């Protein structure tokens, strides 16, 4: 009997078109395969998953791998940045930010931040850096947060977003419809 070899995964190189954005303490960079373990660790935390619409809890096996593979293959109209705080001594991945392309030059921001860096200002710093760079050339960016997450709402308002109304969305981790606040940022011309 011949021993089996594990399959070799050949990922495409990170998108050369994706902007790398530097702030005082962070580098926003494309997601790498090496980020998978920390993505799985942090998104497996119920406190993180429960504040997003799409991360299930418990995190199913292979979910982080599938997410990283989608990021590397450029599937969907979403660009994802890893929040890398290596230079600040806080770790090579402390969260993710994404822009999902919509119609008419609009996008929706999505983000989560590792509990280890909550209340440090890193999320606001990352979002300000991303909005200042405006790497996709958006005219407007929308953001939505659950109403029981006022810290995330402050991240949006501290980064120049204005409240425009209430909504609701299904949260996979909670298995329930949850009220949201909706925000917009005009990007200027």
Protein backbone atom coordinates (compact mmCIF):
# COMPACT_ATOMS: atom_id res chain seq x y z
CA UNK A 1 0.00 0.00 0.00
CA UNK A 2 1.33 3.44 -0.96
CA UNK A 3 1.16 6.12 1.76
CA UNK A 4 -1.08 9.05 0.93
CA UNK A 5 0.28 12.56 0.78
CA UNK A 6 -1.66 15.50 2.08
CA UNK A 7 -2.98 17.74 -0.68
CA UNK A 8 -0.90 20.81 -1.36
CA UNK A 9 -2.82 24.08 -1.32
CA UNK A 10 -1.55 26.66 -3.75
CA UNK A 11 -3.11 29.98 -2.90
CA UNK A 12 -2.91 32.92 -5.26
CA UNK A 13 -0.66 35.75 -4.18
CA UNK A 14 -2.39 38.47 -2.20
CA UNK A 15 -4.03 40.95 -4.50
CA UNK A 16 -1.44 43.38 -5.79
CA UNK A 17 -4.25 45.85 -6.38
CA UNK A 18 -5.33 45.91 -2.72
CA UNK A 19 -4.07 48.94 -0.87
CA UNK A 20 -1.92 48.53 2.24
CA UNK A 21 -2.81 51.30 4.68
CA UNK A 22 -0.66 52.38 7.62
CA UNK A 23 -1.84 54.25 10.69
CA UNK A 24 0.03 55.13 13.87
CA UNK A 25 -0.26 51.64 15.40
CA UNK A 26 -1.65 49.47 12.60
CA UNK A 27 -1.08 48.16 9.13
CA UNK A 28 -4.24 47.28 7.21
CA UNK A 29 -3.10 44.62 4.79
CA UNK A 30 -4.58 41.79 2.71
CA UNK A 31 -5.52 38.62 4.58
CA UNK A 32 -2.91 35.85 4.46
CA UNK A 33 -3.27 32.08 4.90
CA UNK A 34 -1.17 32.45 8.08
CA UNK A 35 -3.99 34.57 9.60
CA UNK A 36 -6.37 31.61 9.64
CA UNK A 37 -5.56 30.42 13.18
CA UNK A 38 -6.14 33.83 14.78
CA UNK A 39 -9.27 34.43 12.69
CA UNK A 40 -10.62 31.09 13.92
CA UNK A 41 -9.60 31.86 17.51
CA UNK A 42 -11.23 35.30 17.66
CA UNK A 43 -14.34 34.58 15.60
CA UNK A 44 -14.91 31.45 17.69
CA UNK A 45 -15.50 33.78 20.66
CA UNK A 46 -19.23 34.20 21.24
CA UNK A 47 -18.73 37.86 22.17
CA UNK A 48 -17.28 38.55 18.71
CA UNK A 49 -19.64 36.34 16.68
CA UNK A 50 -22.70 37.69 18.49
CA UNK A 51 -21.99 41.23 17.32
CA UNK A 52 -21.88 40.28 13.63
CA UNK A 53 -24.65 39.23 11.28
CA UNK A 54 -22.79 36.38 9.58
CA UNK A 55 -20.37 34.61 11.95
CA UNK A 56 -21.99 31.49 13.45
CA UNK A 57 -21.43 30.31 17.01
CA UNK A 58 -20.12 27.79 17.60
CA UNK A 59 -17.85 28.24 14.60
CA UNK A 60 -18.13 25.15 12.40
CA UNK A 61 -14.97 23.26 11.42
CA UNK A 62 -13.45 24.68 8.25
CA UNK A 63 -15.27 28.03 8.44
CA UNK A 64 -12.10 30.10 8.93
CA UNK A 65 -10.35 28.15 6.16
CA UNK A 66 -13.26 28.78 3.78
CA UNK A 67 -13.29 32.50 4.68
CA UNK A 68 -9.54 32.92 4.10
CA UNK A 69 -9.80 31.00 0.82
CA UNK A 70 -12.58 33.37 -0.34
CA UNK A 71 -10.44 36.37 0.60
CA UNK A 72 -7.42 35.03 -1.27
CA UNK A 73 -9.43 34.12 -4.35
CA UNK A 74 -11.22 37.47 -4.52
CA UNK A 75 -14.65 35.84 -4.53
CA UNK A 76 -17.53 38.28 -3.93
CA UNK A 77 -17.57 42.04 -4.14
CA UNK A 78 -15.80 42.40 -0.81
CA UNK A 79 -12.29 43.56 0.02
CA UNK A 80 -10.98 42.44 3.42
CA UNK A 81 -8.08 43.92 5.38
CA UNK A 82 -6.33 42.34 8.35
CA UNK A 83 -5.70 44.74 11.22
CA UNK A 84 -2.02 43.99 11.86
CA UNK A 85 -0.68 45.52 15.10
CA UNK A 86 2.75 43.89 15.05
CA UNK A 87 4.56 47.21 15.14
CA UNK A 88 2.61 48.19 18.28
CA UNK A 89 3.54 44.86 19.90
CA UNK A 90 -0.06 43.67 19.94
CA UNK A 91 -0.08 40.86 17.39
CA UNK A 92 -0.15 40.28 13.68
CA UNK A 93 -3.95 40.09 13.58
CA UNK A 94 -6.24 41.91 16.00
CA UNK A 95 -9.30 42.21 13.78
CA UNK A 96 -10.65 42.48 10.26
CA UNK A 97 -12.24 45.30 8.25
CA UNK A 98 -14.06 44.88 4.97
CA UNK A 99 -15.71 47.01 2.35
CA UNK A 100 -18.52 45.36 0.43
CA UNK A 101 -19.16 47.07 -2.88
CA UNK A 102 -22.68 48.32 -3.55
CA UNK A 103 -24.15 50.31 -6.45
CA UNK A 104 -23.34 53.93 -7.39
CA UNK A 105 -19.92 54.15 -5.73
CA UNK A 106 -21.25 53.03 -2.37
CA UNK A 107 -19.90 50.41 0.02
CA UNK A 108 -20.77 48.93 3.38
CA UNK A 109 -18.13 48.69 6.10
CA UNK A 110 -17.88 45.57 8.21
CA UNK A 111 -15.47 44.91 11.04
CA UNK A 112 -14.74 42.93 14.16
CA UNK A 113 -11.98 43.46 16.68
CA UNK A 114 -10.39 40.93 19.03
CA UNK A 115 -11.55 41.29 22.65
CA UNK A 116 -7.91 41.66 23.74
CA UNK A 117 -7.84 45.12 22.11
CA UNK A 118 -11.35 46.34 22.94
CA UNK A 119 -11.43 49.90 24.27
CA UNK A 120 -7.94 50.71 23.00
CA UNK A 121 -9.01 52.97 20.11
CA UNK A 122 -7.56 50.58 17.51
CA UNK A 123 -10.88 50.02 15.74
CA UNK A 124 -11.44 53.78 15.40
CA UNK A 125 -7.85 54.26 14.23
CA UNK A 126 -8.23 51.51 11.63
CA UNK A 127 -11.56 52.82 10.36
CA UNK A 128 -10.30 56.40 10.14
CA UNK A 129 -7.25 55.19 8.22
CA UNK A 130 -9.40 53.17 5.83
CA UNK A 131 -11.83 56.04 5.26
CA UNK A 132 -9.03 58.59 4.78
CA UNK A 133 -7.37 56.32 2.20
CA UNK A 134 -10.72 55.55 0.50
CA UNK A 135 -9.00 52.73 -1.44
CA UNK A 136 -12.09 51.83 -3.49
CA UNK A 137 -12.91 55.44 -4.39
CA UNK A 138 -16.33 55.32 -2.72
CA UNK A 139 -18.64 58.32 -2.60
CA UNK A 140 -20.54 56.97 0.43
CA UNK A 141 -19.90 54.26 2.98
CA UNK A 142 -22.63 52.76 5.14
CA UNK A 143 -22.20 51.06 8.49
CA UNK A 144 -24.60 49.09 10.68
CA UNK A 145 -24.17 48.01 14.28
CA UNK A 146 -26.42 46.16 16.70
CA UNK A 147 -28.08 48.51 19.16
CA UNK A 148 -26.70 46.55 22.11
CA UNK A 149 -23.15 47.35 20.91
CA UNK A 150 -22.69 51.07 21.67
CA UNK A 151 -18.88 50.73 21.56
CA UNK A 152 -19.08 49.79 17.87
CA UNK A 153 -21.45 52.71 17.26
CA UNK A 154 -18.82 55.04 18.80
CA UNK A 155 -16.22 53.62 16.42
CA UNK A 156 -18.41 54.73 13.50
CA UNK A 157 -19.23 58.18 14.87
CA UNK A 158 -15.59 58.79 15.89
CA UNK A 159 -14.62 58.01 12.28
CA UNK A 160 -17.00 60.60 10.82
CA UNK A 161 -20.14 58.52 10.25
CA UNK A 162 -23.58 60.07 10.82
CA UNK A 163 -26.61 58.22 12.18
CA UNK A 164 -29.40 57.88 9.60
CA UNK A 165 -31.91 55.47 11.14
CA UNK A 166 -32.86 52.17 12.66
CA UNK A 167 -33.05 48.78 10.99
CA UNK A 168 -32.85 45.15 11.98
CA UNK A 169 -30.92 42.14 10.78
CA UNK A 170 -30.69 38.45 11.49
CA UNK A 171 -27.71 37.45 13.64
CA UNK A 172 -26.58 33.90 12.86
CA UNK A 173 -24.77 33.47 16.20
CA UNK A 174 -27.82 34.56 18.20
CA UNK A 175 -30.35 32.88 15.93
CA UNK A 176 -32.52 35.99 16.16
CA UNK A 177 -33.43 39.26 14.49
CA UNK A 178 -31.58 42.09 16.26
CA UNK A 179 -32.25 45.86 16.10
CA UNK A 180 -29.52 47.91 14.40
CA UNK A 181 -28.44 51.51 14.03
CA UNK A 182 -27.49 52.59 10.50
CA UNK A 183 -24.82 55.17 9.68
CA UNK A 184 -23.40 56.86 6.58
CA UNK A 185 -20.20 58.68 5.77
CA UNK A 186 -20.01 61.00 2.78
CA UNK A 187 -16.56 60.58 1.30
CA UNK A 188 -16.23 63.92 -0.44
CA UNK A 189 -15.12 64.38 -3.96
